[in-house]
Amino acid sequence: MMDKNVLWNLEKRVERTIKALQNNNMEAYYVSDEDELKNKLCELIKEDSTVSVGGSMTLFEAGIIEFLRSGKYKFLDRYEEGLTPEQVKNIYRQTFFADTYLSSSNAITEQGEIYNIDGNGNRVAAMIYGPDQVIIIVGVNKIVKDLKEGEERLERIASPINAKRLNKNTPCAKIGYCMDCNSEDRICCDYVVMKRQRTKGRIKVIIVGKELGY
């Protein structure tokens, strides 16, 4: 059980982040666990609507991939067994026409900024433009003070761990931190900061009260 003083500090960080996101024209919510998360998603996503996802360990850990496979939605399932690379590529393109797009983020700042680094760019591209609704799900471990801390988090945690998970032949997958390499296997190619959303209600951030993903 988390120490009450640590919990208080965390709650204040979440409060600041949610307020800042709202000030940047993005909706923001806090849920305590996976059950509350799924209830919130049921509120936000219309049944029988077309839903797609970005690559995310958070979505797997929170049980969201299986949730989307329930039959309630038209799920563009990039993880379906047996798909060819061409079929996956086609799903990436269909995603721009989805009603709802779910993903996580590498970092969310207390100033209400969404910070991501991508390899192919398909994840951040759909966040920026295309789907009518974008729902970004993050654990409290993804909250950072500012963009500088977000960049440090990417270099020390998210990038090397993801490179290791994906069996990439990069320096960070061997030594555990970013070397700003020129490797053919580099997964840090597209750096995107979302500071504000023009379309009110399009982007929604759900913060889950536990550590999820990298």
Protein backbone atom coordinates (compact mmCIF):
# COMPACT_ATOMS: atom_id res chain seq x y z
CA MET A 1 0.00 0.00 0.00
CA MET A 2 1.35 3.42 -0.97
CA ASP A 3 2.45 5.72 1.87
CA LYS A 4 -0.22 8.40 2.42
CA ASN A 5 2.26 11.25 1.97
CA VAL A 6 3.57 9.79 -1.29
CA LEU A 7 -0.03 9.33 -2.41
CA TRP A 8 -0.81 12.96 -1.56
CA ASN A 9 2.14 14.14 -3.64
CA LEU A 10 1.07 11.96 -6.56
CA GLU A 11 -2.51 13.22 -6.38
CA LYS A 12 -1.28 16.82 -6.58
CA ARG A 13 0.79 16.00 -9.68
CA VAL A 14 -2.23 14.37 -11.31
CA GLU A 15 -4.41 17.38 -10.44
CA ARG A 16 -1.92 19.80 -12.00
CA THR A 17 -1.62 17.68 -15.12
CA ILE A 18 -5.37 17.31 -15.62
CA LYS A 19 -5.96 21.03 -15.16
CA ALA A 20 -3.18 21.87 -17.63
CA LEU A 21 -4.53 19.43 -20.24
CA GLN A 22 -7.96 20.99 -19.92
CA ASN A 23 -6.45 24.44 -20.33
CA ASN A 24 -4.89 23.16 -23.57
CA ASN A 25 -8.34 22.19 -24.89
CA MET A 26 -7.97 18.47 -24.11
CA GLU A 27 -10.29 16.47 -21.90
CA ALA A 28 -8.64 14.65 -19.01
CA TYR A 29 -9.80 12.06 -16.51
CA TYR A 30 -8.39 10.08 -13.60
CA VAL A 31 -9.32 6.46 -12.88
CA SER A 32 -7.90 4.36 -10.08
CA ASP A 33 -7.62 0.98 -11.83
CA GLU A 34 -8.36 -1.11 -14.93
CA ASP A 35 -12.02 -1.67 -14.05
CA GLU A 36 -12.69 2.05 -13.78
CA LEU A 37 -10.73 2.55 -17.00
CA LYS A 38 -12.94 0.13 -18.92
CA ASN A 39 -16.08 1.75 -17.51
CA LYS A 40 -14.83 5.13 -18.70
CA LEU A 41 -14.09 3.72 -22.16
CA CYS A 42 -17.64 2.35 -22.34
CA GLU A 43 -18.85 5.91 -21.72
CA LEU A 44 -16.58 7.43 -24.35
CA ILE A 45 -16.73 4.91 -27.20
CA LYS A 46 -19.98 4.19 -29.03
CA GLU A 47 -20.80 0.53 -29.57
CA ASP A 48 -20.35 -0.72 -33.14
CA SER A 49 -18.04 2.21 -33.94
CA THR A 50 -14.70 1.68 -35.70
CA VAL A 51 -11.78 1.59 -33.28
CA SER A 52 -8.05 1.30 -33.85
CA VAL A 53 -4.96 1.37 -31.62
CA GLY A 54 -1.35 2.45 -31.67
CA GLY A 55 1.48 0.23 -30.53
CA SER A 56 1.37 0.21 -26.73
CA MET A 57 2.38 -2.03 -23.85
CA THR A 58 0.03 0.02 -21.64
CA LEU A 59 -3.01 -1.14 -23.63
CA PHE A 60 -1.96 -4.77 -23.23
CA GLU A 61 -1.14 -4.47 -19.53
CA ALA A 62 -4.47 -2.75 -18.81
CA GLY A 63 -6.41 -5.42 -20.73
CA ILE A 64 -7.66 -2.95 -23.34
CA ILE A 65 -6.75 -5.04 -26.39
CA GLU A 66 -8.93 -7.92 -25.17
CA PHE A 67 -11.62 -5.40 -24.19
CA LEU A 68 -11.72 -4.13 -27.78
CA ARG A 69 -11.92 -7.71 -29.08
CA SER A 70 -15.18 -8.26 -27.17
CA GLY A 71 -17.33 -7.76 -30.28
CA LYS A 72 -18.82 -4.44 -29.14
CA TYR A 73 -16.69 -2.53 -31.64
CA LYS A 74 -15.41 -2.78 -35.19
CA PHE A 75 -11.83 -3.26 -34.11
CA LEU A 76 -9.04 -2.74 -36.63
CA ASP A 77 -6.83 -5.28 -34.87
CA ARG A 78 -3.21 -4.79 -35.88
CA TYR A 79 -2.28 -7.62 -33.50
CA GLU A 80 -4.52 -10.27 -35.08
CA GLU A 81 -2.61 -13.50 -35.54
CA GLY A 82 -1.52 -14.32 -39.07
CA LEU A 83 -1.57 -10.83 -40.55
CA THR A 84 0.95 -10.14 -43.28
CA PRO A 85 3.10 -6.98 -43.19
CA GLU A 86 0.99 -5.60 -46.03
CA GLN A 87 -2.23 -6.21 -44.07
CA VAL A 88 -0.78 -4.46 -41.02
CA LYS A 89 0.25 -1.53 -43.22
CA ASN A 90 -3.30 -1.37 -44.56
CA ILE A 91 -4.67 -1.22 -41.00
CA TYR A 92 -2.33 1.68 -40.28
CA ARG A 93 -3.88 3.53 -43.21
CA GLN A 94 -7.47 2.61 -42.32
CA THR A 95 -6.82 4.00 -38.85
CA PHE A 96 -7.05 7.58 -40.16
CA PHE A 97 -10.76 6.95 -40.83
CA ALA A 98 -11.49 5.36 -37.42
CA ASP A 99 -14.09 6.82 -35.10
CA THR A 100 -11.81 6.30 -32.10
CA TYR A 101 -8.08 5.78 -31.80
CA LEU A 102 -6.53 4.52 -28.57
CA SER A 103 -2.90 4.77 -27.66
CA SER A 104 -0.59 5.59 -24.80
CA SER A 105 2.08 8.26 -24.60
CA ASN A 106 5.75 8.26 -23.74
CA ALA A 107 5.25 11.22 -21.40
CA ILE A 108 2.63 13.72 -20.25
CA THR A 109 3.94 16.95 -18.75
CA GLU A 110 2.46 18.86 -15.84
CA GLN A 111 2.04 21.72 -18.34
CA GLY A 112 -0.45 19.59 -20.25
CA GLU A 113 1.80 18.60 -23.14
CA ILE A 114 1.83 15.17 -24.79
CA TYR A 115 5.30 14.00 -25.76
CA ASN A 116 6.03 11.04 -28.02
CA ILE A 117 8.83 9.50 -30.01
CA ASP A 118 7.96 7.10 -32.83
CA GLY A 119 9.78 4.80 -35.20
CA ASN A 120 7.38 4.49 -38.16
CA GLY A 121 5.36 7.59 -37.32
CA ASN A 122 1.99 5.88 -37.72
CA ARG A 123 1.14 6.26 -34.02
CA VAL A 124 1.85 9.97 -33.72
CA ALA A 125 0.37 10.65 -37.17
CA ALA A 126 -3.03 9.29 -36.07
CA MET A 127 -2.84 11.23 -32.82
CA ILE A 128 -2.32 14.46 -34.73
CA TYR A 129 -4.86 14.00 -37.51
CA GLY A 130 -7.48 11.57 -38.76
CA PRO A 131 -9.59 9.74 -36.16
CA ASP A 132 -12.51 11.75 -34.78
CA GLN A 133 -11.64 10.82 -31.22
CA VAL A 134 -8.22 10.07 -29.73
CA ILE A 135 -8.03 8.49 -26.27
CA ILE A 136 -4.59 8.44 -24.68
CA ILE A 137 -4.20 6.11 -21.70
CA VAL A 138 -1.25 6.54 -19.36
CA GLY A 139 -0.12 5.25 -15.99
CA VAL A 140 1.02 7.76 -13.38
CA ASN A 141 4.62 6.78 -14.18
CA LYS A 142 4.31 8.72 -17.46
CA ILE A 143 3.76 12.10 -15.77
CA VAL A 144 6.81 14.37 -15.92
CA LYS A 145 7.45 17.93 -14.80
CA ASP A 146 8.27 19.37 -18.22
CA LEU A 147 9.54 18.52 -21.70
CA LYS A 148 13.14 18.35 -20.50
CA GLU A 149 12.21 15.69 -17.95
CA GLY A 150 10.14 13.97 -20.63
CA GLU A 151 13.14 13.79 -22.93
CA GLU A 152 15.26 12.39 -20.11
CA ARG A 153 12.59 9.79 -19.41
CA LEU A 154 12.63 8.72 -23.04
CA GLU A 155 16.42 8.43 -23.12
CA ARG A 156 16.76 6.55 -19.82
CA ILE A 157 13.62 4.40 -19.74
CA ALA A 158 11.18 4.21 -22.63
CA SER A 159 13.50 4.06 -25.63
CA PRO A 160 16.07 1.51 -24.40
CA ILE A 161 13.41 -0.76 -22.90
CA ASN A 162 11.30 -0.69 -26.06
CA ALA A 163 14.37 -1.31 -28.23
CA LYS A 164 15.19 -4.30 -26.03
CA ARG A 165 11.59 -5.56 -26.18
CA LEU A 166 11.59 -5.33 -29.97
CA ASN A 167 15.01 -7.03 -30.28
CA LYS A 168 16.50 -4.04 -32.06
CA ASN A 169 20.20 -3.94 -32.85
CA THR A 170 20.81 -0.54 -31.26
CA PRO A 171 23.34 0.66 -28.68
CA CYS A 172 20.59 1.45 -26.16
CA ALA A 173 19.33 -2.14 -26.31
CA LYS A 174 22.79 -3.22 -25.14
CA ILE A 175 23.82 -0.57 -22.60
CA GLY A 176 20.43 0.65 -21.37
CA TYR A 177 20.44 4.34 -22.31
CA CYS A 178 20.21 6.49 -25.43
CA MET A 179 23.33 7.13 -27.53
CA ASP A 180 21.50 9.19 -30.20
CA CYS A 181 22.64 6.54 -32.65
CA ASN A 182 22.55 6.26 -36.44
CA SER A 183 21.56 2.60 -36.36
CA GLU A 184 19.33 1.19 -39.12
CA ASP A 185 17.25 -0.28 -36.27
CA ARG A 186 16.77 3.06 -34.48
CA ILE A 187 13.21 3.42 -33.15
CA CYS A 188 13.52 7.10 -32.14
CA CYS A 189 12.81 8.83 -35.44
CA ASP A 190 9.81 11.14 -35.08
CA TYR A 191 9.71 13.51 -32.09
CA VAL A 192 6.27 15.04 -31.56
CA VAL A 193 5.04 17.47 -28.91
CA MET A 194 1.31 18.17 -28.76
CA LYS A 195 0.90 21.44 -26.89
CA ARG A 196 -2.72 22.19 -27.67
CA GLN A 197 -5.70 20.65 -29.44
CA ARG A 198 -7.64 22.81 -31.88
CA THR A 199 -10.74 20.58 -32.03
CA LYS A 200 -12.46 20.61 -28.65
CA GLY A 201 -13.28 17.13 -27.36
CA ARG A 202 -11.13 15.27 -29.89
CA ILE A 203 -8.27 14.36 -27.56
CA LYS A 204 -8.98 12.75 -24.22
CA VAL A 205 -6.31 11.68 -21.74
CA ILE A 206 -7.09 9.06 -19.11
CA ILE A 207 -4.59 8.81 -16.26
CA VAL A 208 -4.65 5.49 -14.42
CA GLY A 209 -3.56 5.46 -10.78
CA LYS A 210 -0.84 2.86 -11.22
CA GLU A 211 2.32 2.23 -13.24
CA LEU A 212 1.64 0.99 -16.76
CA GLY A 213 3.90 0.51 -19.75
CA TYR A 214 7.35 1.95 -20.33
